N, C-alpha and C. Protein backbone atom coordinates (compact mmCIF):
# COMPACT_ATOMS: atom_id res chain seq x y z
N MET A 1 22.81 62.83 -33.48
CA MET A 1 22.59 61.47 -34.01
C MET A 1 21.08 61.23 -34.14
N PRO A 2 20.63 60.82 -35.35
CA PRO A 2 19.18 60.65 -35.56
C PRO A 2 18.62 59.50 -34.71
N THR A 3 17.39 59.71 -34.25
CA THR A 3 16.73 58.68 -33.42
C THR A 3 16.00 57.70 -34.31
N LEU A 4 16.16 56.39 -34.03
CA LEU A 4 15.48 55.37 -34.83
C LEU A 4 14.01 55.31 -34.44
N ASP A 5 13.17 55.18 -35.45
CA ASP A 5 11.75 55.03 -35.14
C ASP A 5 11.50 53.62 -34.61
N PRO A 6 10.36 53.39 -33.96
CA PRO A 6 10.07 52.09 -33.34
C PRO A 6 10.17 50.92 -34.31
N VAL A 7 9.75 51.11 -35.57
CA VAL A 7 9.80 50.03 -36.55
C VAL A 7 11.23 49.62 -36.82
N CYS A 8 12.11 50.61 -36.99
CA CYS A 8 13.53 50.32 -37.23
C CYS A 8 14.16 49.63 -36.03
N LYS A 9 13.77 50.09 -34.82
CA LYS A 9 14.30 49.46 -33.61
C LYS A 9 13.93 47.97 -33.56
N PHE A 10 12.67 47.68 -33.85
CA PHE A 10 12.21 46.29 -33.83
C PHE A 10 12.93 45.46 -34.88
N ARG A 11 13.10 46.07 -36.10
CA ARG A 11 13.77 45.35 -37.17
C ARG A 11 15.20 45.00 -36.78
N ARG A 12 15.91 45.99 -36.19
CA ARG A 12 17.30 45.75 -35.77
C ARG A 12 17.34 44.67 -34.69
N TYR A 13 16.43 44.75 -33.73
CA TYR A 13 16.36 43.74 -32.67
C TYR A 13 16.08 42.36 -33.25
N TYR A 14 15.18 42.33 -34.22
CA TYR A 14 14.79 41.07 -34.86
C TYR A 14 16.00 40.45 -35.55
N GLU A 15 16.79 41.29 -36.26
CA GLU A 15 17.97 40.81 -36.98
C GLU A 15 19.03 40.28 -36.01
N LEU A 16 19.21 40.97 -34.88
CA LEU A 16 20.18 40.52 -33.88
C LEU A 16 19.78 39.17 -33.30
N VAL A 17 18.50 39.01 -33.02
CA VAL A 17 18.00 37.74 -32.49
C VAL A 17 18.17 36.64 -33.51
N LYS A 18 17.94 36.98 -34.78
CA LYS A 18 18.05 36.01 -35.86
C LYS A 18 19.47 35.49 -35.99
N VAL A 19 20.46 36.40 -35.79
CA VAL A 19 21.87 36.00 -35.86
C VAL A 19 22.21 35.07 -34.69
N ALA A 20 21.75 35.46 -33.50
CA ALA A 20 22.04 34.66 -32.30
C ALA A 20 21.34 33.32 -32.34
N ASN A 21 20.13 33.30 -32.90
CA ASN A 21 19.34 32.07 -32.97
C ASN A 21 18.66 32.03 -34.33
N PRO A 22 19.11 31.16 -35.23
CA PRO A 22 18.56 31.13 -36.59
C PRO A 22 17.08 30.80 -36.64
N MET A 23 16.52 30.34 -35.54
CA MET A 23 15.09 30.02 -35.54
C MET A 23 14.28 31.28 -35.30
N ASP A 24 13.26 31.48 -36.07
CA ASP A 24 12.41 32.66 -35.97
C ASP A 24 11.82 32.75 -34.57
N PRO A 25 11.91 33.93 -33.92
CA PRO A 25 11.33 34.10 -32.58
C PRO A 25 9.87 33.69 -32.53
N LEU A 26 9.15 33.96 -33.62
CA LEU A 26 7.74 33.57 -33.65
C LEU A 26 7.62 32.05 -33.69
N ASP A 27 8.58 31.40 -34.39
CA ASP A 27 8.58 29.95 -34.43
C ASP A 27 8.91 29.37 -33.06
N ILE A 28 9.81 30.07 -32.34
CA ILE A 28 10.16 29.62 -30.98
C ILE A 28 8.93 29.63 -30.09
N ALA A 29 8.17 30.72 -30.17
CA ALA A 29 6.95 30.83 -29.36
C ALA A 29 5.97 29.73 -29.73
N ALA A 30 5.84 29.47 -31.05
CA ALA A 30 4.91 28.43 -31.51
C ALA A 30 5.36 27.06 -31.01
N ALA A 31 6.69 26.83 -31.06
CA ALA A 31 7.23 25.54 -30.60
C ALA A 31 6.99 25.35 -29.11
N GLU A 32 7.15 26.44 -28.35
CA GLU A 32 6.92 26.36 -26.90
C GLU A 32 5.46 26.03 -26.60
N LYS A 33 4.55 26.66 -27.37
CA LYS A 33 3.13 26.39 -27.17
C LYS A 33 2.81 24.94 -27.52
N SER A 34 3.43 24.46 -28.63
CA SER A 34 3.20 23.08 -29.05
C SER A 34 3.70 22.10 -28.00
N SER A 35 4.88 22.40 -27.43
CA SER A 35 5.45 21.55 -26.39
C SER A 35 4.57 21.53 -25.15
N ALA A 36 4.03 22.69 -24.80
CA ALA A 36 3.15 22.79 -23.64
C ALA A 36 1.89 21.96 -23.85
N ARG A 37 1.34 22.05 -25.10
CA ARG A 37 0.14 21.27 -25.42
C ARG A 37 0.44 19.78 -25.35
N ARG A 38 1.65 19.39 -25.83
CA ARG A 38 2.04 17.99 -25.82
C ARG A 38 2.17 17.49 -24.39
N ASN A 39 2.76 18.32 -23.52
CA ASN A 39 2.90 17.94 -22.11
C ASN A 39 1.55 17.79 -21.45
N ASP A 40 0.62 18.71 -21.78
CA ASP A 40 -0.73 18.63 -21.22
C ASP A 40 -1.41 17.36 -21.68
N THR A 41 -1.19 16.99 -22.96
CA THR A 41 -1.80 15.78 -23.50
C THR A 41 -1.27 14.55 -22.78
N GLU A 42 0.07 14.55 -22.52
CA GLU A 42 0.67 13.43 -21.82
C GLU A 42 0.09 13.28 -20.42
N LYS A 43 -0.17 14.42 -19.77
CA LYS A 43 -0.74 14.38 -18.42
C LYS A 43 -2.15 13.80 -18.44
N LEU A 44 -2.85 14.01 -19.56
CA LEU A 44 -4.24 13.57 -19.64
C LEU A 44 -4.36 12.10 -20.00
N VAL A 45 -3.24 11.45 -20.40
CA VAL A 45 -3.29 10.04 -20.75
C VAL A 45 -3.63 9.24 -19.49
N PRO A 46 -4.74 8.51 -19.50
CA PRO A 46 -5.15 7.79 -18.29
C PRO A 46 -4.21 6.63 -17.97
N GLU A 47 -4.07 6.36 -16.68
CA GLU A 47 -3.21 5.25 -16.25
C GLU A 47 -3.89 3.93 -16.56
N LYS A 48 -3.09 2.93 -16.89
CA LYS A 48 -3.62 1.61 -17.18
C LYS A 48 -4.33 1.06 -15.96
N MET A 49 -5.51 0.48 -16.19
CA MET A 49 -6.30 -0.06 -15.10
C MET A 49 -6.47 -1.57 -15.26
N TYR A 50 -6.51 -2.26 -14.14
CA TYR A 50 -6.72 -3.71 -14.13
C TYR A 50 -8.02 -4.03 -13.41
N LYS A 51 -8.64 -5.12 -13.82
CA LYS A 51 -9.86 -5.59 -13.16
C LYS A 51 -9.49 -6.66 -12.13
N VAL A 52 -9.86 -6.41 -10.88
CA VAL A 52 -9.56 -7.34 -9.79
C VAL A 52 -10.88 -7.89 -9.26
N VAL A 53 -10.99 -9.22 -9.21
CA VAL A 53 -12.22 -9.87 -8.73
C VAL A 53 -12.01 -10.31 -7.29
N THR A 54 -12.88 -9.83 -6.41
CA THR A 54 -12.73 -10.08 -4.97
C THR A 54 -13.45 -11.36 -4.52
N LYS A 55 -13.32 -11.64 -3.25
CA LYS A 55 -13.94 -12.82 -2.65
C LYS A 55 -15.44 -12.84 -2.85
N ASP A 56 -16.09 -11.66 -2.73
CA ASP A 56 -17.53 -11.57 -2.92
C ASP A 56 -17.91 -11.30 -4.37
N MET A 57 -16.99 -11.61 -5.30
CA MET A 57 -17.22 -11.56 -6.74
C MET A 57 -17.49 -10.16 -7.29
N GLU A 58 -17.03 -9.14 -6.58
CA GLU A 58 -17.14 -7.78 -7.11
C GLU A 58 -15.90 -7.47 -7.95
N VAL A 59 -16.11 -6.82 -9.09
CA VAL A 59 -14.99 -6.45 -9.96
C VAL A 59 -14.59 -5.01 -9.64
N CYS A 60 -13.37 -4.84 -9.19
CA CYS A 60 -12.85 -3.51 -8.84
C CYS A 60 -11.74 -3.13 -9.81
N GLU A 61 -11.77 -1.88 -10.28
CA GLU A 61 -10.71 -1.39 -11.16
C GLU A 61 -9.58 -0.81 -10.31
N VAL A 62 -8.38 -1.29 -10.57
CA VAL A 62 -7.21 -0.87 -9.78
C VAL A 62 -6.12 -0.40 -10.74
N SER A 63 -5.50 0.73 -10.42
CA SER A 63 -4.47 1.30 -11.29
C SER A 63 -3.20 0.45 -11.30
N ALA A 64 -2.44 0.58 -12.39
CA ALA A 64 -1.21 -0.19 -12.55
C ALA A 64 -0.20 0.13 -11.45
N SER A 65 -0.15 1.39 -11.03
CA SER A 65 0.80 1.78 -9.99
C SER A 65 0.47 1.13 -8.65
N VAL A 66 -0.82 0.95 -8.37
CA VAL A 66 -1.23 0.25 -7.14
C VAL A 66 -0.96 -1.24 -7.27
N ILE A 67 -1.27 -1.80 -8.45
CA ILE A 67 -1.01 -3.22 -8.70
C ILE A 67 0.46 -3.55 -8.47
N SER A 68 1.34 -2.63 -8.87
CA SER A 68 2.79 -2.87 -8.76
C SER A 68 3.25 -2.97 -7.31
N MET A 69 2.43 -2.52 -6.37
CA MET A 69 2.79 -2.56 -4.95
C MET A 69 2.49 -3.92 -4.32
N SER A 70 1.72 -4.75 -5.03
CA SER A 70 1.41 -6.09 -4.53
C SER A 70 2.32 -7.11 -5.20
N LYS A 71 3.21 -7.71 -4.42
CA LYS A 71 4.12 -8.71 -4.98
C LYS A 71 3.36 -9.93 -5.47
N LEU A 72 2.26 -10.26 -4.79
CA LEU A 72 1.45 -11.41 -5.20
C LEU A 72 0.90 -11.21 -6.61
N ILE A 73 0.27 -10.05 -6.84
CA ILE A 73 -0.37 -9.81 -8.14
C ILE A 73 0.67 -9.63 -9.24
N THR A 74 1.75 -8.91 -8.97
CA THR A 74 2.77 -8.73 -10.00
C THR A 74 3.40 -10.06 -10.39
N THR A 75 3.62 -10.94 -9.42
CA THR A 75 4.15 -12.27 -9.71
C THR A 75 3.14 -13.08 -10.52
N MET A 76 1.86 -12.95 -10.16
CA MET A 76 0.80 -13.64 -10.88
C MET A 76 0.75 -13.19 -12.34
N LEU A 77 0.86 -11.89 -12.57
CA LEU A 77 0.83 -11.35 -13.93
C LEU A 77 2.02 -11.85 -14.74
N GLU A 78 3.18 -11.93 -14.09
CA GLU A 78 4.39 -12.40 -14.79
C GLU A 78 4.31 -13.89 -15.08
N ASP A 79 3.89 -14.67 -14.09
CA ASP A 79 3.84 -16.13 -14.26
C ASP A 79 2.81 -16.55 -15.31
N LEU A 80 1.66 -15.87 -15.31
CA LEU A 80 0.59 -16.20 -16.25
C LEU A 80 0.73 -15.44 -17.56
N ASN A 81 1.73 -14.53 -17.61
CA ASN A 81 1.98 -13.72 -18.80
C ASN A 81 0.71 -12.99 -19.25
N LEU A 82 0.05 -12.36 -18.30
CA LEU A 82 -1.19 -11.63 -18.59
C LEU A 82 -0.86 -10.23 -19.08
N GLN A 83 -1.02 -10.02 -20.38
CA GLN A 83 -0.76 -8.71 -20.96
C GLN A 83 -2.05 -7.91 -21.13
N ASP A 84 -3.16 -8.64 -21.21
CA ASP A 84 -4.46 -8.00 -21.44
C ASP A 84 -4.99 -7.44 -20.12
N ASP A 85 -5.15 -6.11 -20.06
CA ASP A 85 -5.64 -5.52 -18.81
C ASP A 85 -7.12 -5.79 -18.57
N ASP A 86 -7.80 -6.42 -19.55
CA ASP A 86 -9.20 -6.79 -19.37
C ASP A 86 -9.33 -8.15 -18.68
N ALA A 87 -8.23 -8.89 -18.62
CA ALA A 87 -8.27 -10.20 -17.97
C ALA A 87 -8.44 -10.01 -16.47
N PRO A 88 -9.47 -10.62 -15.87
CA PRO A 88 -9.71 -10.43 -14.43
C PRO A 88 -8.63 -11.09 -13.58
N ILE A 89 -8.25 -10.40 -12.51
CA ILE A 89 -7.26 -10.92 -11.57
C ILE A 89 -7.98 -11.34 -10.29
N PRO A 90 -8.01 -12.62 -9.97
CA PRO A 90 -8.75 -13.07 -8.77
C PRO A 90 -7.95 -12.88 -7.48
N VAL A 91 -8.62 -12.36 -6.47
CA VAL A 91 -8.03 -12.29 -5.12
C VAL A 91 -9.07 -12.88 -4.16
N PRO A 92 -9.20 -14.20 -4.15
CA PRO A 92 -10.27 -14.89 -3.41
C PRO A 92 -10.23 -14.74 -1.90
N ASN A 93 -9.15 -14.22 -1.36
CA ASN A 93 -9.04 -14.08 0.10
C ASN A 93 -9.36 -12.68 0.59
N VAL A 94 -9.76 -11.79 -0.32
CA VAL A 94 -10.00 -10.39 0.06
C VAL A 94 -11.39 -9.95 -0.41
N THR A 95 -12.17 -9.38 0.50
CA THR A 95 -13.49 -8.87 0.13
C THR A 95 -13.35 -7.51 -0.56
N SER A 96 -14.40 -7.09 -1.23
CA SER A 96 -14.37 -5.81 -1.95
C SER A 96 -14.18 -4.64 -0.99
N ALA A 97 -14.83 -4.71 0.18
CA ALA A 97 -14.72 -3.62 1.16
C ALA A 97 -13.28 -3.46 1.64
N ILE A 98 -12.63 -4.57 1.91
CA ILE A 98 -11.24 -4.52 2.39
C ILE A 98 -10.30 -4.14 1.25
N LEU A 99 -10.56 -4.63 0.05
CA LEU A 99 -9.71 -4.26 -1.10
C LEU A 99 -9.73 -2.75 -1.32
N LYS A 100 -10.90 -2.15 -1.17
CA LYS A 100 -11.00 -0.69 -1.35
C LYS A 100 -10.19 0.05 -0.28
N LYS A 101 -10.18 -0.49 0.94
CA LYS A 101 -9.36 0.10 1.99
C LYS A 101 -7.87 -0.03 1.65
N VAL A 102 -7.50 -1.19 1.14
CA VAL A 102 -6.11 -1.45 0.75
C VAL A 102 -5.69 -0.51 -0.38
N VAL A 103 -6.56 -0.38 -1.38
CA VAL A 103 -6.27 0.49 -2.53
C VAL A 103 -6.12 1.94 -2.08
N TYR A 104 -6.95 2.36 -1.14
CA TYR A 104 -6.89 3.73 -0.62
C TYR A 104 -5.52 4.00 0.02
N TRP A 105 -5.03 3.03 0.79
CA TRP A 105 -3.70 3.19 1.41
C TRP A 105 -2.63 3.23 0.32
N CYS A 106 -2.75 2.34 -0.65
CA CYS A 106 -1.75 2.27 -1.73
C CYS A 106 -1.72 3.56 -2.56
N GLU A 107 -2.88 4.15 -2.80
CA GLU A 107 -2.94 5.40 -3.57
C GLU A 107 -2.16 6.50 -2.85
N LYS A 108 -2.19 6.46 -1.53
CA LYS A 108 -1.47 7.46 -0.74
C LYS A 108 0.04 7.20 -0.74
N HIS A 109 0.43 5.95 -0.97
CA HIS A 109 1.85 5.57 -0.87
C HIS A 109 2.42 5.03 -2.18
N LYS A 110 1.68 5.14 -3.28
CA LYS A 110 2.13 4.52 -4.53
C LYS A 110 3.41 5.17 -5.07
N PRO A 111 4.20 4.38 -5.82
CA PRO A 111 5.46 4.89 -6.37
C PRO A 111 5.21 5.97 -7.40
N VAL A 112 6.17 6.89 -7.53
CA VAL A 112 6.05 7.99 -8.48
C VAL A 112 7.35 8.10 -9.26
N SER A 113 7.34 8.92 -10.31
CA SER A 113 8.54 9.13 -11.11
C SER A 113 9.60 9.82 -10.27
N GLU A 114 10.86 9.78 -10.74
CA GLU A 114 11.96 10.38 -9.99
C GLU A 114 11.73 11.86 -9.74
N LYS A 115 11.24 12.57 -10.79
CA LYS A 115 11.00 14.01 -10.66
C LYS A 115 9.88 14.27 -9.66
N THR A 116 8.79 13.49 -9.80
CA THR A 116 7.66 13.67 -8.89
C THR A 116 8.04 13.27 -7.48
N ALA A 117 8.88 12.23 -7.38
CA ALA A 117 9.32 11.78 -6.05
C ALA A 117 10.08 12.87 -5.33
N SER A 118 10.92 13.59 -6.08
CA SER A 118 11.69 14.69 -5.49
C SER A 118 10.77 15.79 -5.00
N MET A 119 9.75 16.12 -5.83
CA MET A 119 8.78 17.15 -5.44
C MET A 119 7.98 16.69 -4.24
N LYS A 120 7.59 15.39 -4.25
CA LYS A 120 6.79 14.85 -3.15
C LYS A 120 7.59 14.86 -1.85
N LYS A 121 8.90 14.54 -1.98
CA LYS A 121 9.76 14.53 -0.79
C LYS A 121 9.83 15.92 -0.18
N ASN A 122 9.94 16.94 -1.04
CA ASN A 122 9.98 18.31 -0.54
C ASN A 122 8.68 18.68 0.15
N ASP A 123 7.55 18.23 -0.45
CA ASP A 123 6.24 18.50 0.16
C ASP A 123 6.13 17.83 1.52
N GLU A 124 6.64 16.58 1.61
CA GLU A 124 6.54 15.83 2.86
C GLU A 124 7.42 16.45 3.94
N GLU A 125 8.56 17.03 3.50
CA GLU A 125 9.44 17.69 4.46
C GLU A 125 8.76 18.92 5.04
N LEU A 126 7.94 19.58 4.19
CA LEU A 126 7.23 20.76 4.66
C LEU A 126 5.98 20.39 5.45
N GLN A 127 5.48 19.18 5.19
CA GLN A 127 4.25 18.75 5.86
C GLN A 127 4.52 18.46 7.33
N GLU A 128 3.62 18.92 8.18
CA GLU A 128 3.77 18.71 9.61
C GLU A 128 3.63 17.23 9.95
N PRO A 129 4.50 16.68 10.81
CA PRO A 129 4.36 15.29 11.23
C PRO A 129 2.98 14.99 11.79
N SER A 130 2.37 15.98 12.42
CA SER A 130 1.04 15.80 13.00
C SER A 130 0.01 15.52 11.92
N GLU A 131 0.20 16.10 10.71
CA GLU A 131 -0.74 15.88 9.61
C GLU A 131 -0.63 14.45 9.10
N ILE A 132 0.61 13.95 8.99
CA ILE A 132 0.81 12.57 8.57
C ILE A 132 0.21 11.62 9.60
N LYS A 133 0.46 11.93 10.86
CA LYS A 133 -0.07 11.11 11.96
C LYS A 133 -1.59 11.12 11.94
N LYS A 134 -2.16 12.29 11.64
CA LYS A 134 -3.62 12.41 11.59
C LYS A 134 -4.20 11.55 10.49
N TRP A 135 -3.55 11.55 9.30
CA TRP A 135 -4.04 10.73 8.18
C TRP A 135 -4.05 9.26 8.56
N ARG A 136 -2.95 8.79 9.14
CA ARG A 136 -2.86 7.39 9.54
C ARG A 136 -3.88 7.05 10.61
N SER A 137 -4.05 7.99 11.54
CA SER A 137 -5.02 7.77 12.62
C SER A 137 -6.42 7.62 12.05
N GLU A 138 -6.76 8.47 11.08
CA GLU A 138 -8.09 8.41 10.46
C GLU A 138 -8.24 7.12 9.66
N TYR A 139 -7.18 6.73 8.96
CA TYR A 139 -7.24 5.52 8.12
C TYR A 139 -7.49 4.28 8.98
N PHE A 140 -6.79 4.20 10.09
CA PHE A 140 -6.90 3.01 10.94
C PHE A 140 -7.98 3.14 12.01
N LYS A 141 -8.83 4.15 11.87
CA LYS A 141 -9.93 4.31 12.82
C LYS A 141 -11.07 3.36 12.42
N VAL A 142 -10.83 2.08 12.60
CA VAL A 142 -11.80 1.03 12.24
C VAL A 142 -11.91 0.06 13.41
N ASP A 143 -12.93 -0.78 13.38
CA ASP A 143 -13.05 -1.75 14.48
C ASP A 143 -11.97 -2.83 14.32
N HIS A 144 -11.77 -3.60 15.36
CA HIS A 144 -10.68 -4.56 15.39
C HIS A 144 -10.80 -5.62 14.29
N ALA A 145 -12.03 -6.02 13.98
CA ALA A 145 -12.24 -7.04 12.95
C ALA A 145 -11.74 -6.55 11.60
N VAL A 146 -12.07 -5.30 11.27
CA VAL A 146 -11.63 -4.71 10.00
C VAL A 146 -10.11 -4.55 9.98
N LEU A 147 -9.56 -4.12 11.11
CA LEU A 147 -8.11 -3.95 11.20
C LEU A 147 -7.38 -5.26 10.92
N PHE A 148 -7.87 -6.35 11.50
CA PHE A 148 -7.22 -7.64 11.27
C PHE A 148 -7.43 -8.12 9.84
N GLU A 149 -8.56 -7.76 9.24
CA GLU A 149 -8.78 -8.11 7.83
C GLU A 149 -7.81 -7.34 6.93
N ILE A 150 -7.51 -6.09 7.29
CA ILE A 150 -6.53 -5.31 6.53
C ILE A 150 -5.15 -5.96 6.64
N ILE A 151 -4.81 -6.41 7.86
CA ILE A 151 -3.52 -7.08 8.07
C ILE A 151 -3.43 -8.35 7.24
N MET A 152 -4.51 -9.14 7.27
CA MET A 152 -4.50 -10.40 6.51
C MET A 152 -4.44 -10.14 5.00
N ALA A 153 -5.14 -9.09 4.55
CA ALA A 153 -5.12 -8.74 3.12
C ALA A 153 -3.74 -8.27 2.71
N ALA A 154 -3.12 -7.44 3.54
CA ALA A 154 -1.77 -6.93 3.24
C ALA A 154 -0.77 -8.08 3.19
N ASN A 155 -0.94 -9.04 4.10
CA ASN A 155 -0.05 -10.21 4.12
C ASN A 155 -0.28 -11.09 2.89
N TYR A 156 -1.55 -11.32 2.55
CA TYR A 156 -1.90 -12.16 1.40
C TYR A 156 -1.45 -11.52 0.09
N LEU A 157 -1.70 -10.22 -0.07
CA LEU A 157 -1.32 -9.52 -1.29
C LEU A 157 0.17 -9.17 -1.32
N ASP A 158 0.83 -9.37 -0.20
CA ASP A 158 2.26 -9.09 -0.05
C ASP A 158 2.57 -7.61 -0.33
N ILE A 159 1.91 -6.76 0.46
CA ILE A 159 2.16 -5.31 0.41
C ILE A 159 2.86 -4.96 1.72
N SER A 160 4.17 -4.96 1.70
CA SER A 160 4.96 -4.86 2.94
C SER A 160 4.71 -3.58 3.72
N GLY A 161 4.59 -2.46 3.03
CA GLY A 161 4.39 -1.18 3.72
C GLY A 161 3.11 -1.14 4.53
N LEU A 162 2.03 -1.61 3.93
CA LEU A 162 0.74 -1.64 4.63
C LEU A 162 0.78 -2.63 5.78
N LEU A 163 1.43 -3.76 5.57
CA LEU A 163 1.54 -4.77 6.63
C LEU A 163 2.28 -4.19 7.83
N GLU A 164 3.36 -3.48 7.57
CA GLU A 164 4.14 -2.87 8.65
C GLU A 164 3.32 -1.81 9.39
N ASP A 165 2.63 -0.96 8.62
CA ASP A 165 1.82 0.10 9.23
C ASP A 165 0.73 -0.47 10.13
N SER A 166 0.00 -1.46 9.60
CA SER A 166 -1.14 -2.01 10.34
C SER A 166 -0.68 -2.80 11.57
N CYS A 167 0.44 -3.52 11.44
CA CYS A 167 0.97 -4.26 12.60
C CYS A 167 1.47 -3.30 13.67
N GLU A 168 2.01 -2.18 13.24
CA GLU A 168 2.47 -1.16 14.19
C GLU A 168 1.30 -0.60 14.99
N VAL A 169 0.15 -0.46 14.32
CA VAL A 169 -1.05 0.03 15.01
C VAL A 169 -1.47 -0.96 16.09
N VAL A 170 -1.48 -2.24 15.74
CA VAL A 170 -1.86 -3.28 16.71
C VAL A 170 -0.88 -3.31 17.88
N ALA A 171 0.41 -3.18 17.56
CA ALA A 171 1.44 -3.20 18.61
C ALA A 171 1.25 -2.04 19.59
N SER A 172 0.89 -0.86 19.06
CA SER A 172 0.68 0.30 19.92
C SER A 172 -0.56 0.12 20.80
N MET A 173 -1.56 -0.60 20.27
CA MET A 173 -2.77 -0.87 21.05
C MET A 173 -2.49 -1.84 22.19
N MET A 174 -1.54 -2.75 21.98
CA MET A 174 -1.23 -3.78 22.98
C MET A 174 -0.25 -3.28 24.04
N ARG A 175 0.48 -2.22 23.70
CA ARG A 175 1.55 -1.75 24.57
C ARG A 175 1.03 -1.37 25.97
N GLY A 176 1.66 -1.94 27.00
CA GLY A 176 1.31 -1.60 28.37
C GLY A 176 0.12 -2.33 28.93
N LYS A 177 -0.45 -3.26 28.16
CA LYS A 177 -1.64 -3.99 28.61
C LYS A 177 -1.27 -5.40 29.06
N THR A 178 -2.08 -5.93 29.97
CA THR A 178 -1.86 -7.30 30.45
C THR A 178 -2.39 -8.29 29.42
N ALA A 179 -2.03 -9.56 29.61
CA ALA A 179 -2.49 -10.61 28.70
C ALA A 179 -4.01 -10.68 28.68
N GLU A 180 -4.62 -10.54 29.85
CA GLU A 180 -6.08 -10.61 29.94
C GLU A 180 -6.73 -9.43 29.22
N GLU A 181 -6.17 -8.25 29.38
CA GLU A 181 -6.70 -7.06 28.70
C GLU A 181 -6.59 -7.20 27.19
N ILE A 182 -5.49 -7.78 26.74
CA ILE A 182 -5.30 -7.98 25.29
C ILE A 182 -6.31 -8.99 24.76
N ARG A 183 -6.54 -10.06 25.54
CA ARG A 183 -7.53 -11.06 25.13
C ARG A 183 -8.92 -10.45 25.02
N LEU A 184 -9.27 -9.62 25.99
CA LEU A 184 -10.59 -8.98 25.97
C LEU A 184 -10.69 -7.98 24.82
N MET A 185 -9.63 -7.24 24.58
CA MET A 185 -9.63 -6.22 23.53
C MET A 185 -9.87 -6.83 22.15
N PHE A 186 -9.18 -7.95 21.89
CA PHE A 186 -9.26 -8.57 20.57
C PHE A 186 -10.14 -9.82 20.55
N ASN A 187 -10.88 -10.02 21.64
CA ASN A 187 -11.81 -11.14 21.72
C ASN A 187 -11.10 -12.47 21.44
N ILE A 188 -9.96 -12.67 22.11
CA ILE A 188 -9.17 -13.88 21.92
C ILE A 188 -9.51 -14.87 23.04
N ALA A 189 -9.87 -16.07 22.66
CA ALA A 189 -10.21 -17.09 23.66
C ALA A 189 -8.96 -17.56 24.37
N ASN A 190 -9.08 -17.77 25.67
CA ASN A 190 -7.96 -18.28 26.46
C ASN A 190 -8.05 -19.80 26.50
N ASP A 191 -7.17 -20.46 25.77
CA ASP A 191 -7.22 -21.93 25.71
C ASP A 191 -6.24 -22.59 26.67
N LEU A 192 -5.71 -21.80 27.60
CA LEU A 192 -4.79 -22.35 28.60
C LEU A 192 -5.53 -22.63 29.90
N THR A 193 -5.19 -23.73 30.53
CA THR A 193 -5.75 -24.03 31.85
C THR A 193 -5.03 -23.17 32.89
N PRO A 194 -5.64 -22.96 34.06
CA PRO A 194 -4.96 -22.19 35.12
C PRO A 194 -3.58 -22.75 35.45
N GLU A 195 -3.46 -24.09 35.44
CA GLU A 195 -2.18 -24.72 35.75
C GLU A 195 -1.13 -24.37 34.69
N GLU A 196 -1.55 -24.40 33.42
CA GLU A 196 -0.62 -24.08 32.32
C GLU A 196 -0.19 -22.61 32.39
N GLU A 197 -1.15 -21.74 32.72
CA GLU A 197 -0.84 -20.32 32.85
C GLU A 197 0.18 -20.09 33.96
N GLU A 198 -0.04 -20.77 35.09
CA GLU A 198 0.86 -20.60 36.23
C GLU A 198 2.27 -21.10 35.89
N LYS A 199 2.34 -22.21 35.17
CA LYS A 199 3.63 -22.76 34.79
C LYS A 199 4.39 -21.80 33.86
N ILE A 200 3.66 -21.26 32.87
CA ILE A 200 4.28 -20.33 31.92
C ILE A 200 4.72 -19.06 32.63
N ARG A 201 3.88 -18.61 33.59
CA ARG A 201 4.20 -17.38 34.33
C ARG A 201 5.47 -17.57 35.17
N LYS A 202 5.60 -18.73 35.76
CA LYS A 202 6.80 -19.01 36.56
C LYS A 202 8.06 -19.05 35.69
N GLU A 203 7.87 -19.49 34.45
CA GLU A 203 9.01 -19.56 33.52
C GLU A 203 9.36 -18.18 32.95
N GLY A 204 8.50 -17.21 33.28
CA GLY A 204 8.77 -15.84 32.84
C GLY A 204 8.30 -15.51 31.45
N ASN A 205 7.45 -16.36 30.87
CA ASN A 205 6.97 -16.12 29.51
C ASN A 205 5.57 -15.55 29.45
N LEU A 206 4.99 -15.29 30.61
CA LEU A 206 3.64 -14.74 30.65
C LEU A 206 3.60 -13.63 31.68
N PRO A 207 3.16 -12.43 31.29
CA PRO A 207 3.14 -11.32 32.25
C PRO A 207 2.08 -11.51 33.31
N GLU A 208 2.29 -10.90 34.45
CA GLU A 208 1.30 -10.95 35.52
C GLU A 208 0.03 -10.25 35.08
N GLU A 209 -1.13 -10.78 35.53
CA GLU A 209 -2.42 -10.17 35.17
C GLU A 209 -2.61 -8.87 35.94
């Protein structure tokens, strides 16, 4: 039986592929490249940014995904029907320094697409709990005044996740400490008289010093 030369082999293969798929194999390759370029272009499309004006009148650019995590701002945008992303959004109760801390937390926890969420979940399952704990520890490694400002900002902006995280940090700091130690730690003035303290202690609502 005569052996087919390479050109004939390719031609026969080409014809078989053509029957199975009427689209030219070269066209398939071109289409795949075009699709890849289109996907790359979509990835390069920048996320919508909003201008947020802080208490100290600094204008900070915040991504739409972070904005969506604040119930206060999303409600404000809906109520005022603000479609223009150039329109400044005032947050008079939050300084620029604290807003940047809030945005940093939100960037770490912002919502993602279903596909990305699945991938992220797999990554988090592989991630050591100690690494997550380390990130949170580093984030909340601030003085007490800043920590309480973060709590107030999270409460004001209505970002439930950050509020829960920051309150949990405060709770862990208070755990096992006496009322006096807590007052000293957070510089809280004691506005109770000794008689009032004794009365409350007898009623069981105040721990022993």
